[in-house]
């Protein structure tokens, strides 16, 4: 196996874990939204409110552009699902394809 270039190493060892961490934060946000809506946890708790605010500051800039293009489905918000699918595609197909040379951009 040949050695990795700087670009390949950057993709595999820096960007891929960041995308994985973002996927984890999205799952935390989704599960917390369910727990808040079913009144299992309360946003008046300082710890819960802090996690809710931090996860919102991380995910909202990524979700808001998707929400503009998604149709209104009543009370169902599928923008998080679209973002998760996109991030899985990037992390499991696009980044390894670029890093190992099986995918070319141009």
PDB file of N, CA and C in Angstrom:
ATOM      1  N   UNK A   1       0.840  -1.176   0.000  1.00  0.00           N
ATOM      2  CA  UNK A   1       0.000   0.000   0.000  1.00  0.00           C
ATOM      3  C   UNK A   1       0.890   1.246   0.000  1.00  0.00           C
ATOM      4  N   UNK A   2       0.569   2.192  -0.815  1.00  0.00           N
ATOM      5  CA  UNK A   2       1.363   3.419  -0.882  1.00  0.00           C
ATOM      6  C   UNK A   2       1.029   4.330   0.293  1.00  0.00           C
ATOM      7  N   UNK A   3       1.933   5.252   0.574  1.00  0.00           N
ATOM      8  CA  UNK A   3       1.712   6.173   1.685  1.00  0.00           C
ATOM      9  C   UNK A   3       0.664   7.212   1.293  1.00  0.00           C
ATOM     10  N   UNK A   4       0.003   7.750   2.289  1.00  0.00           N
ATOM     11  CA  UNK A   4      -1.052   8.732   2.074  1.00  0.00           C
ATOM     12  C   UNK A   4      -0.455  10.112   1.863  1.00  0.00           C
ATOM     13  N   UNK A   5      -1.089  10.862   0.980  1.00  0.00           N
ATOM     14  CA  UNK A   5      -0.685  12.253   0.806  1.00  0.00           C
ATOM     15  C   UNK A   5      -1.257  13.086   1.953  1.00  0.00           C
ATOM     16  N   UNK A   6      -0.867  14.342   2.024  1.00  0.00           N
ATOM     17  CA  UNK A   6      -1.367  15.236   3.069  1.00  0.00           C
ATOM     18  C   UNK A   6      -2.873  15.420   2.950  1.00  0.00           C
ATOM     19  N   UNK A   7      -3.377  15.559   1.736  1.00  0.00           N
ATOM     20  CA  UNK A   7      -4.817  15.719   1.508  1.00  0.00           C
ATOM     21  C   UNK A   7      -5.576  14.473   1.958  1.00  0.00           C
ATOM     22  N   UNK A   8      -5.071  13.305   1.645  1.00  0.00           N
ATOM     23  CA  UNK A   8      -5.721  12.064   2.037  1.00  0.00           C
ATOM     24  C   UNK A   8      -5.725  11.892   3.551  1.00  0.00           C
ATOM     25  N   UNK A   9      -4.610  12.204   4.172  1.00  0.00           N
ATOM     26  CA  UNK A   9      -4.530  12.111   5.629  1.00  0.00           C
ATOM     27  C   UNK A   9      -5.472  13.105   6.297  1.00  0.00           C
ATOM     28  N   UNK A  10      -5.577  14.304   5.746  1.00  0.00           N
ATOM     29  CA  UNK A  10      -6.500  15.307   6.266  1.00  0.00           C
ATOM     30  C   UNK A  10      -7.929  14.807   6.194  1.00  0.00           C
ATOM     31  N   UNK A  11      -8.281  14.222   5.070  1.00  0.00           N
ATOM     32  CA  UNK A  11      -9.636  13.688   4.915  1.00  0.00           C
ATOM     33  C   UNK A  11      -9.924  12.582   5.912  1.00  0.00           C
ATOM     34  N   UNK A  12      -9.024  11.651   6.025  1.00  0.00           N
ATOM     35  CA  UNK A  12      -9.277  10.468   6.849  1.00  0.00           C
ATOM     36  C   UNK A  12      -9.165  10.717   8.341  1.00  0.00           C
ATOM     37  N   UNK A  13      -8.223  11.521   8.750  1.00  0.00           N
ATOM     38  CA  UNK A  13      -7.930  11.626  10.175  1.00  0.00           C
ATOM     39  C   UNK A  13      -8.438  12.901  10.836  1.00  0.00           C
ATOM     40  N   UNK A  14      -8.911  13.861  10.063  1.00  0.00           N
ATOM     41  CA  UNK A  14      -9.436  15.090  10.659  1.00  0.00           C
ATOM     42  C   UNK A  14     -10.891  15.313  10.269  1.00  0.00           C
ATOM     43  N   UNK A  15     -11.182  15.304   8.990  1.00  0.00           N
ATOM     44  CA  UNK A  15     -12.530  15.642   8.540  1.00  0.00           C
ATOM     45  C   UNK A  15     -13.524  14.523   8.841  1.00  0.00           C
ATOM     46  N   UNK A  16     -13.127  13.286   8.645  1.00  0.00           N
ATOM     47  CA  UNK A  16     -14.022  12.171   8.911  1.00  0.00           C
ATOM     48  C   UNK A  16     -14.453  12.101  10.382  1.00  0.00           C
ATOM     49  N   UNK A  17     -13.552  12.249  11.360  1.00  0.00           N
ATOM     50  CA  UNK A  17     -14.019  12.273  12.758  1.00  0.00           C
ATOM     51  C   UNK A  17     -14.905  13.476  13.085  1.00  0.00           C
ATOM     52  N   UNK A  18     -14.680  14.602  12.433  1.00  0.00           N
ATOM     53  CA  UNK A  18     -15.537  15.770  12.658  1.00  0.00           C
ATOM     54  C   UNK A  18     -16.948  15.492  12.154  1.00  0.00           C
ATOM     55  N   UNK A  19     -17.055  14.865  10.989  1.00  0.00           N
ATOM     56  CA  UNK A  19     -18.371  14.506  10.452  1.00  0.00           C
ATOM     57  C   UNK A  19     -19.042  13.489  11.366  1.00  0.00           C
ATOM     58  N   UNK A  20     -18.282  12.522  11.875  1.00  0.00           N
ATOM     59  CA  UNK A  20     -18.837  11.532  12.803  1.00  0.00           C
ATOM     60  C   UNK A  20     -19.335  12.195  14.086  1.00  0.00           C
ATOM     61  N   UNK A  21     -18.598  13.158  14.590  1.00  0.00           N
ATOM     62  CA  UNK A  21     -19.022  13.888  15.781  1.00  0.00           C
ATOM     63  C   UNK A  21     -20.294  14.692  15.512  1.00  0.00           C
ATOM     64  N   UNK A  22     -20.390  15.264  14.334  1.00  0.00           N
ATOM     65  CA  UNK A  22     -21.595  16.002  13.950  1.00  0.00           C
ATOM     66  C   UNK A  22     -22.801  15.069  13.871  1.00  0.00           C
ATOM     67  N   UNK A  23     -22.617  13.868  13.366  1.00  0.00           N
ATOM     68  CA  UNK A  23     -23.698  12.883  13.331  1.00  0.00           C
ATOM     69  C   UNK A  23     -24.144  12.552  14.754  1.00  0.00           C
ATOM     70  N   UNK A  24     -23.196  12.406  15.666  1.00  0.00           N
ATOM     71  CA  UNK A  24     -23.530  12.138  17.066  1.00  0.00           C
ATOM     72  C   UNK A  24     -24.329  13.285  17.676  1.00  0.00           C
ATOM     73  N   UNK A  25     -23.933  14.520  17.411  1.00  0.00           N
ATOM     74  CA  UNK A  25     -24.648  15.691  17.947  1.00  0.00           C
ATOM     75  C   UNK A  25     -26.072  15.738  17.398  1.00  0.00           C
ATOM     76  N   UNK A  26     -26.253  15.373  16.148  1.00  0.00           N
ATOM     77  CA  UNK A  26     -27.601  15.355  15.571  1.00  0.00           C
ATOM     78  C   UNK A  26     -28.462  14.308  16.266  1.00  0.00           C
ATOM     79  N   UNK A  27     -27.894  13.132  16.543  1.00  0.00           N
ATOM     80  CA  UNK A  27     -28.647  12.112  17.267  1.00  0.00           C
ATOM     81  C   UNK A  27     -29.011  12.588  18.670  1.00  0.00           C
ATOM     82  N   UNK A  28     -28.099  13.266  19.340  1.00  0.00           N
ATOM     83  CA  UNK A  28     -28.399  13.820  20.664  1.00  0.00           C
ATOM     84  C   UNK A  28     -29.545  14.815  20.563  1.00  0.00           C
ATOM     85  N   UNK A  29     -29.517  15.669  19.556  1.00  0.00           N
ATOM     86  CA  UNK A  29     -30.569  16.670  19.368  1.00  0.00           C
ATOM     87  C   UNK A  29     -31.929  16.016  19.115  1.00  0.00           C
ATOM     88  N   UNK A  30     -31.953  14.980  18.285  1.00  0.00           N
ATOM     89  CA  UNK A  30     -33.208  14.296  17.976  1.00  0.00           C
ATOM     90  C   UNK A  30     -33.768  13.611  19.214  1.00  0.00           C
ATOM     91  N   UNK A  31     -32.933  12.883  19.924  1.00  0.00           N
ATOM     92  CA  UNK A  31     -33.400  12.178  21.116  1.00  0.00           C
ATOM     93  C   UNK A  31     -33.855  13.157  22.184  1.00  0.00           C
ATOM     94  N   UNK A  32     -33.123  14.260  22.344  1.00  0.00           N
ATOM     95  CA  UNK A  32     -33.554  15.266  23.325  1.00  0.00           C
ATOM     96  C   UNK A  32     -34.884  15.893  22.931  1.00  0.00           C
ATOM     97  N   UNK A  33     -35.099  16.126  21.638  1.00  0.00           N
ATOM     98  CA  UNK A  33     -36.376  16.719  21.223  1.00  0.00           C
ATOM     99  C   UNK A  33     -37.532  15.783  21.526  1.00  0.00           C
ATOM    100  N   UNK A  34     -37.319  14.481  21.368  1.00  0.00           N
ATOM    101  CA  UNK A  34     -38.363  13.517  21.729  1.00  0.00           C
ATOM    102  C   UNK A  34     -38.604  13.522  23.228  1.00  0.00           C
ATOM    103  N   UNK A  35     -37.529  13.522  24.016  1.00  0.00           N
ATOM    104  CA  UNK A  35     -37.675  13.495  25.471  1.00  0.00           C
ATOM    105  C   UNK A  35     -38.333  14.765  25.999  1.00  0.00           C
ATOM    106  N   UNK A  36     -38.048  15.893  25.382  1.00  0.00           N
ATOM    107  CA  UNK A  36     -38.687  17.147  25.793  1.00  0.00           C
ATOM    108  C   UNK A  36     -40.159  17.142  25.401  1.00  0.00           C
ATOM    109  N   UNK A  37     -40.469  16.676  24.207  1.00  0.00           N
ATOM    110  CA  UNK A  37     -41.867  16.700  23.761  1.00  0.00           C
ATOM    111  C   UNK A  37     -42.739  15.730  24.554  1.00  0.00           C
ATOM    112  N   UNK A  38     -42.178  14.626  25.037  1.00  0.00           N
ATOM    113  CA  UNK A  38     -42.927  13.691  25.876  1.00  0.00           C
ATOM    114  C   UNK A  38     -42.791  14.009  27.361  1.00  0.00           C
ATOM    115  N   UNK A  39     -42.188  15.143  27.673  1.00  0.00           N
ATOM    116  CA  UNK A  39     -42.028  15.668  29.028  1.00  0.00           C
ATOM    117  C   UNK A  39     -41.302  14.698  29.956  1.00  0.00           C
ATOM    118  N   UNK A  40     -40.311  14.013  29.413  1.00  0.00           N
ATOM    119  CA  UNK A  40     -39.461  13.153  30.225  1.00  0.00           C
ATOM    120  C   UNK A  40     -38.323  13.975  30.822  1.00  0.00           C
ATOM    121  N   UNK A  41     -37.785  14.891  30.027  1.00  0.00           N
ATOM    122  CA  UNK A  41     -36.816  15.848  30.551  1.00  0.00           C
ATOM    123  C   UNK A  41     -37.393  17.242  30.388  1.00  0.00           C
ATOM    124  N   UNK A  42     -36.879  18.162  31.161  1.00  0.00           N
ATOM    125  CA  UNK A  42     -37.414  19.509  31.204  1.00  0.00           C
ATOM    126  C   UNK A  42     -36.313  20.502  30.860  1.00  0.00           C
ATOM    127  N   UNK A  43     -36.614  21.455  29.991  1.00  0.00           N
ATOM    128  CA  UNK A  43     -35.630  22.464  29.609  1.00  0.00           C
ATOM    129  C   UNK A  43     -35.366  23.483  30.706  1.00  0.00           C
ATOM    130  N   UNK A  44     -36.109  23.423  31.809  1.00  0.00           N
ATOM    131  CA  UNK A  44     -35.830  24.308  32.943  1.00  0.00           C
ATOM    132  C   UNK A  44     -34.632  23.821  33.743  1.00  0.00           C
ATOM    133  N   UNK A  45     -34.245  22.570  33.542  1.00  0.00           N
ATOM    134  CA  UNK A  45     -33.025  22.047  34.160  1.00  0.00           C
ATOM    135  C   UNK A  45     -31.843  22.689  33.443  1.00  0.00           C
ATOM    136  N   UNK A  46     -30.910  23.241  34.198  1.00  0.00           N
ATOM    137  CA  UNK A  46     -29.792  23.990  33.613  1.00  0.00           C
ATOM    138  C   UNK A  46     -28.913  23.118  32.728  1.00  0.00           C
ATOM    139  N   UNK A  47     -28.620  21.887  33.157  1.00  0.00           N
ATOM    140  CA  UNK A  47     -27.783  20.981  32.364  1.00  0.00           C
ATOM    141  C   UNK A  47     -28.451  20.623  31.042  1.00  0.00           C
ATOM    142  N   UNK A  48     -29.719  20.297  31.089  1.00  0.00           N
ATOM    143  CA  UNK A  48     -30.473  19.947  29.879  1.00  0.00           C
ATOM    144  C   UNK A  48     -30.554  21.150  28.947  1.00  0.00           C
ATOM    145  N   UNK A  49     -30.809  22.314  29.498  1.00  0.00           N
ATOM    146  CA  UNK A  49     -30.894  23.524  28.672  1.00  0.00           C
ATOM    147  C   UNK A  49     -29.561  23.847  28.013  1.00  0.00           C
ATOM    148  N   UNK A  50     -28.463  23.620  28.715  1.00  0.00           N
ATOM    149  CA  UNK A  50     -27.140  23.881  28.144  1.00  0.00           C
ATOM    150  C   UNK A  50     -26.845  22.943  26.982  1.00  0.00           C
ATOM    151  N   UNK A  51     -27.133  21.653  27.159  1.00  0.00           N
ATOM    152  CA  UNK A  51     -26.917  20.695  26.070  1.00  0.00           C
ATOM    153  C   UNK A  51     -27.818  21.031  24.889  1.00  0.00           C
ATOM    154  N   UNK A  52     -29.058  21.410  25.156  1.00  0.00           N
ATOM    155  CA  UNK A  52     -30.003  21.778  24.103  1.00  0.00           C
ATOM    156  C   UNK A  52     -29.497  22.997  23.308  1.00  0.00           C
ATOM    157  N   UNK A  53     -28.997  24.000  24.006  1.00  0.00           N
ATOM    158  CA  UNK A  53     -28.495  25.202  23.338  1.00  0.00           C
ATOM    159  C   UNK A  53     -27.233  24.916  22.526  1.00  0.00           C
ATOM    160  N   UNK A  54     -26.322  24.140  23.082  1.00  0.00           N
ATOM    161  CA  UNK A  54     -25.082  23.830  22.361  1.00  0.00           C
ATOM    162  C   UNK A  54     -25.383  23.004  21.116  1.00  0.00           C
ATOM    163  N   UNK A  55     -26.219  21.986  21.261  1.00  0.00           N
ATOM    164  CA  UNK A  55     -26.544  21.169  20.090  1.00  0.00           C
ATOM    165  C   UNK A  55     -27.315  21.980  19.055  1.00  0.00           C
ATOM    166  N   UNK A  56     -28.118  22.918  19.493  1.00  0.00           N
ATOM    167  CA  UNK A  56     -28.832  23.776  18.555  1.00  0.00           C
ATOM    168  C   UNK A  56     -27.909  24.722  17.807  1.00  0.00           C
ATOM    169  N   UNK A  57     -26.923  25.266  18.502  1.00  0.00           N
ATOM    170  CA  UNK A  57     -25.968  26.154  17.841  1.00  0.00           C
ATOM    171  C   UNK A  57     -25.110  25.414  16.832  1.00  0.00           C
ATOM    172  N   UNK A  58     -24.887  24.130  17.052  1.00  0.00           N
ATOM    173  CA  UNK A  58     -24.095  23.340  16.111  1.00  0.00           C
ATOM    174  C   UNK A  58     -24.931  22.902  14.916  1.00  0.00           C
ATOM    175  N   UNK A  59     -26.158  22.457  15.160  1.00  0.00           N
ATOM    176  CA  UNK A  59     -26.959  21.863  14.085  1.00  0.00           C
ATOM    177  C   UNK A  59     -27.823  22.851  13.310  1.00  0.00           C
ATOM    178  N   UNK A  60     -28.295  23.903  13.942  1.00  0.00           N
ATOM    179  CA  UNK A  60     -29.213  24.825  13.265  1.00  0.00           C
ATOM    180  C   UNK A  60     -28.640  25.470  12.005  1.00  0.00           C
ATOM    181  N   UNK A  61     -27.377  25.895  11.966  1.00  0.00           N
ATOM    182  CA  UNK A  61     -26.870  26.461  10.709  1.00  0.00           C
ATOM    183  C   UNK A  61     -26.846  25.451   9.556  1.00  0.00           C
ATOM    184  N   UNK A  62     -26.771  24.185   9.862  1.00  0.00           N
ATOM    185  CA  UNK A  62     -26.795  23.167   8.816  1.00  0.00           C
ATOM    186  C   UNK A  62     -28.213  22.772   8.418  1.00  0.00           C
ATOM    187  N   UNK A  63     -29.139  22.853   9.363  1.00  0.00           N
ATOM    188  CA  UNK A  63     -30.506  22.413   9.106  1.00  0.00           C
ATOM    189  C   UNK A  63     -31.350  23.505   8.456  1.00  0.00           C
ATOM    190  N   UNK A  64     -31.123  24.757   8.800  1.00  0.00           N
ATOM    191  CA  UNK A  64     -31.963  25.841   8.282  1.00  0.00           C
ATOM    192  C   UNK A  64     -31.986  25.926   6.756  1.00  0.00           C
ATOM    193  N   UNK A  65     -30.863  25.781   6.037  1.00  0.00           N
ATOM    194  CA  UNK A  65     -30.959  25.797   4.568  1.00  0.00           C
ATOM    195  C   UNK A  65     -31.765  24.620   4.016  1.00  0.00           C
ATOM    196  N   UNK A  66     -31.700  23.479   4.685  1.00  0.00           N
ATOM    197  CA  UNK A  66     -32.478  22.321   4.239  1.00  0.00           C
ATOM    198  C   UNK A  66     -33.954  22.560   4.468  1.00  0.00           C
ATOM    199  N   UNK A  67     -34.302  23.190   5.572  1.00  0.00           N
ATOM    200  CA  UNK A  67     -35.713  23.465   5.880  1.00  0.00           C
ATOM    201  C   UNK A  67     -36.355  24.395   4.860  1.00  0.00           C
ATOM    202  N   UNK A  68     -35.565  25.266   4.255  1.00  0.00           N
ATOM    203  CA  UNK A  68     -36.124  26.168   3.242  1.00  0.00           C
ATOM    204  C   UNK A  68     -36.594  25.423   2.001  1.00  0.00           C
ATOM    205  N   UNK A  69     -35.946  24.291   1.700  1.00  0.00           N
ATOM    206  CA  UNK A  69     -36.292  23.534   0.500  1.00  0.00           C
ATOM    207  C   UNK A  69     -37.251  22.380   0.758  1.00  0.00           C
ATOM    208  N   UNK A  70     -37.407  21.997   2.009  1.00  0.00           N
ATOM    209  CA  UNK A  70     -38.290  20.874   2.349  1.00  0.00           C
ATOM    210  C   UNK A  70     -39.752  21.335   2.353  1.00  0.00           C
ATOM    211  N   UNK A  71     -40.659  20.508   1.836  1.00  0.00           N
ATOM    212  CA  UNK A  71     -42.078  20.877   1.897  1.00  0.00           C
ATOM    213  C   UNK A  71     -42.605  20.782   3.326  1.00  0.00           C
ATOM    214  N   UNK A  72     -43.653  21.523   3.598  1.00  0.00           N
ATOM    215  CA  UNK A  72     -44.268  21.513   4.916  1.00  0.00           C
ATOM    216  C   UNK A  72     -45.105  20.244   5.053  1.00  0.00           C
ATOM    217  N   UNK A  73     -44.759  19.405   6.011  1.00  0.00           N
ATOM    218  CA  UNK A  73     -45.458  18.141   6.224  1.00  0.00           C
ATOM    219  C   UNK A  73     -46.255  18.156   7.522  1.00  0.00           C
ATOM    220  N   UNK A  74     -46.756  19.284   7.897  1.00  0.00           N
ATOM    221  CA  UNK A  74     -47.482  19.397   9.148  1.00  0.00           C
ATOM    222  C   UNK A  74     -46.515  19.578  10.298  1.00  0.00           C
ATOM    223  N   UNK A  75     -46.536  18.655  11.253  1.00  0.00           N
ATOM    224  CA  UNK A  75     -45.649  18.741  12.406  1.00  0.00           C
ATOM    225  C   UNK A  75     -44.400  17.896  12.275  1.00  0.00           C
ATOM    226  N   UNK A  76     -44.182  17.302  11.106  1.00  0.00           N
ATOM    227  CA  UNK A  76     -43.041  16.415  10.921  1.00  0.00           C
ATOM    228  C   UNK A  76     -41.909  17.183  10.252  1.00  0.00           C
ATOM    229  N   UNK A  77     -40.743  17.151  10.868  1.00  0.00           N
ATOM    230  CA  UNK A  77     -39.566  17.829  10.336  1.00  0.00           C
ATOM    231  C   UNK A  77     -38.569  16.777   9.863  1.00  0.00           C
ATOM    232  N   UNK A  78     -38.436  16.631   8.554  1.00  0.00           N
ATOM    233  CA  UNK A  78     -37.543  15.639   7.983  1.00  0.00           C
ATOM    234  C   UNK A  78     -36.180  16.210   7.621  1.00  0.00           C
ATOM    235  N   UNK A  79     -35.924  17.468   7.971  1.00  0.00           N
ATOM    236  CA  UNK A  79     -34.654  18.089   7.609  1.00  0.00           C
ATOM    237  C   UNK A  79     -33.476  17.424   8.321  1.00  0.00           C
ATOM    238  N   UNK A  80     -33.665  16.972   9.558  1.00  0.00           N
ATOM    239  CA  UNK A  80     -32.597  16.265  10.258  1.00  0.00           C
ATOM    240  C   UNK A  80     -32.285  14.940   9.583  1.00  0.00           C
ATOM    241  N   UNK A  81     -33.307  14.264   9.100  1.00  0.00           N
ATOM    242  CA  UNK A  81     -33.090  13.007   8.392  1.00  0.00           C
ATOM    243  C   UNK A  81     -32.319  13.241   7.098  1.00  0.00           C
ATOM    244  N   UNK A  82     -32.665  14.293   6.367  1.00  0.00           N
ATOM    245  CA  UNK A  82     -31.949  14.621   5.134  1.00  0.00           C
ATOM    246  C   UNK A  82     -30.492  14.950   5.442  1.00  0.00           C
ATOM    247  N   UNK A  83     -30.252  15.712   6.500  1.00  0.00           N
ATOM    248  CA  UNK A  83     -28.884  16.045   6.890  1.00  0.00           C
ATOM    249  C   UNK A  83     -28.106  14.803   7.308  1.00  0.00           C
ATOM    250  N   UNK A  84     -28.740  13.909   8.066  1.00  0.00           N
ATOM    251  CA  UNK A  84     -28.065  12.679   8.465  1.00  0.00           C
ATOM    252  C   UNK A  84     -27.712  11.819   7.260  1.00  0.00           C
ATOM    253  N   UNK A  85     -28.620  11.679   6.318  1.00  0.00           N
ATOM    254  CA  UNK A  85     -28.333  10.903   5.118  1.00  0.00           C
ATOM    255  C   UNK A  85     -27.175  11.515   4.330  1.00  0.00           C
ATOM    256  N   UNK A  86     -27.160  12.830   4.234  1.00  0.00           N
ATOM    257  CA  UNK A  86     -26.073  13.507   3.530  1.00  0.00           C
ATOM    258  C   UNK A  86     -24.739  13.284   4.238  1.00  0.00           C
ATOM    259  N   UNK A  87     -24.729  13.400   5.564  1.00  0.00           N
ATOM    260  CA  UNK A  87     -23.487  13.218   6.309  1.00  0.00           C
ATOM    261  C   UNK A  87     -22.992  11.780   6.240  1.00  0.00           C
ATOM    262  N   UNK A  88     -23.908  10.812   6.273  1.00  0.00           N
ATOM    263  CA  UNK A  88     -23.494   9.419   6.105  1.00  0.00           C
ATOM    264  C   UNK A  88     -22.906   9.188   4.718  1.00  0.00           C
ATOM    265  N   UNK A  89     -23.517   9.789   3.722  1.00  0.00           N
ATOM    266  CA  UNK A  89     -22.992   9.672   2.363  1.00  0.00           C
ATOM    267  C   UNK A  89     -21.588  10.258   2.275  1.00  0.00           C
ATOM    268  N   UNK A  90     -21.396  11.419   2.851  1.00  0.00           N
ATOM    269  CA  UNK A  90     -20.083  12.058   2.836  1.00  0.00           C
ATOM    270  C   UNK A  90     -19.059  11.222   3.597  1.00  0.00           C
ATOM    271  N   UNK A  91     -19.425  10.752   4.783  1.00  0.00           N
ATOM    272  CA  UNK A  91     -18.475  10.059   5.647  1.00  0.00           C
ATOM    273  C   UNK A  91     -18.157   8.645   5.173  1.00  0.00           C
ATOM    274  N   UNK A  92     -19.101   7.963   4.576  1.00  0.00           N
ATOM    275  CA  UNK A  92     -18.897   6.558   4.231  1.00  0.00           C
ATOM    276  C   UNK A  92     -18.604   6.318   2.755  1.00  0.00           C
ATOM    277  N   UNK A  93     -18.850   7.298   1.908  1.00  0.00           N
ATOM    278  CA  UNK A  93     -18.598   7.107   0.488  1.00  0.00           C
ATOM    279  C   UNK A  93     -17.653   8.159  -0.088  1.00  0.00           C
ATOM    280  N   UNK A  94     -17.943   9.414   0.158  1.00  0.00           N
ATOM    281  CA  UNK A  94     -17.204  10.492  -0.479  1.00  0.00           C
ATOM    282  C   UNK A  94     -15.781  10.619   0.070  1.00  0.00           C
ATOM    283  N   UNK A  95     -15.629  10.696   1.384  1.00  0.00           N
ATOM    284  CA  UNK A  95     -14.297  10.866   1.983  1.00  0.00           C
ATOM    285  C   UNK A  95     -13.393   9.664   1.712  1.00  0.00           C
ATOM    286  N   UNK A  96     -13.852   8.417   1.925  1.00  0.00           N
ATOM    287  CA  UNK A  96     -12.956   7.293   1.577  1.00  0.00           C
ATOM    288  C   UNK A  96     -12.659   7.219   0.081  1.00  0.00           C
ATOM    289  N   UNK A  97     -13.623   7.576  -0.746  1.00  0.00           N
ATOM    290  CA  UNK A  97     -13.378   7.562  -2.184  1.00  0.00           C
ATOM    291  C   UNK A  97     -12.318   8.552  -2.606  1.00  0.00           C
ATOM    292  N   UNK A  98     -12.345   9.740  -2.032  1.00  0.00           N
ATOM    293  CA  UNK A  98     -11.306  10.732  -2.332  1.00  0.00           C
ATOM    294  C   UNK A  98      -9.962  10.343  -1.732  1.00  0.00           C
ATOM    295  N   UNK A  99      -9.999   9.803  -0.524  1.00  0.00           N
ATOM    296  CA  UNK A  99      -8.749   9.489   0.158  1.00  0.00           C
ATOM    297  C   UNK A  99      -8.003   8.332  -0.497  1.00  0.00           C
ATOM    298  N   UNK A 100      -8.727   7.354  -0.975  1.00  0.00           N
ATOM    299  CA  UNK A 100      -8.070   6.171  -1.547  1.00  0.00           C
ATOM    300  C   UNK A 100      -7.999   6.215  -3.077  1.00  0.00           C
ATOM    301  N   UNK A 101      -8.457   7.302  -3.659  1.00  0.00           N
ATOM    302  CA  UNK A 101      -8.308   7.482  -5.098  1.00  0.00           C
ATOM    303  C   UNK A 101      -9.323   6.761  -5.946  1.00  0.00           C
ATOM    304  N   UNK A 102     -10.388   6.253  -5.366  1.00  0.00           N
ATOM    305  CA  UNK A 102     -11.419   5.583  -6.162  1.00  0.00           C
ATOM    306  C   UNK A 102     -12.497   6.539  -6.642  1.00  0.00           C
ATOM    307  N   UNK A 103     -12.471   7.771  -6.161  1.00  0.00           N
ATOM    308  CA  UNK A 103     -13.423   8.802  -6.573  1.00  0.00           C
ATOM    309  C   UNK A 103     -12.636  10.020  -6.991  1.00  0.00           C
ATOM    310  N   UNK A 104     -12.955  10.541  -8.119  1.00  0.00           N
ATOM    311  CA  UNK A 104     -12.273  11.753  -8.617  1.00  0.00           C
ATOM    312  C   UNK A 104     -13.301  12.867  -8.773  1.00  0.00           C
ATOM    313  N   UNK A 105     -12.897  14.069  -8.388  1.00  0.00           N
ATOM    314  CA  UNK A 105     -13.790  15.215  -8.515  1.00  0.00           C
ATOM    315  C   UNK A 105     -13.802  15.761  -9.941  1.00  0.00           C
ATOM    316  N   UNK A 106     -12.672  15.735 -10.631  1.00  0.00           N
ATOM    317  CA  UNK A 106     -12.587  16.293 -11.985  1.00  0.00           C
ATOM    318  C   UNK A 106     -12.015  15.274 -12.920  1.00  0.00           C
TER     319      UNK A 106
END
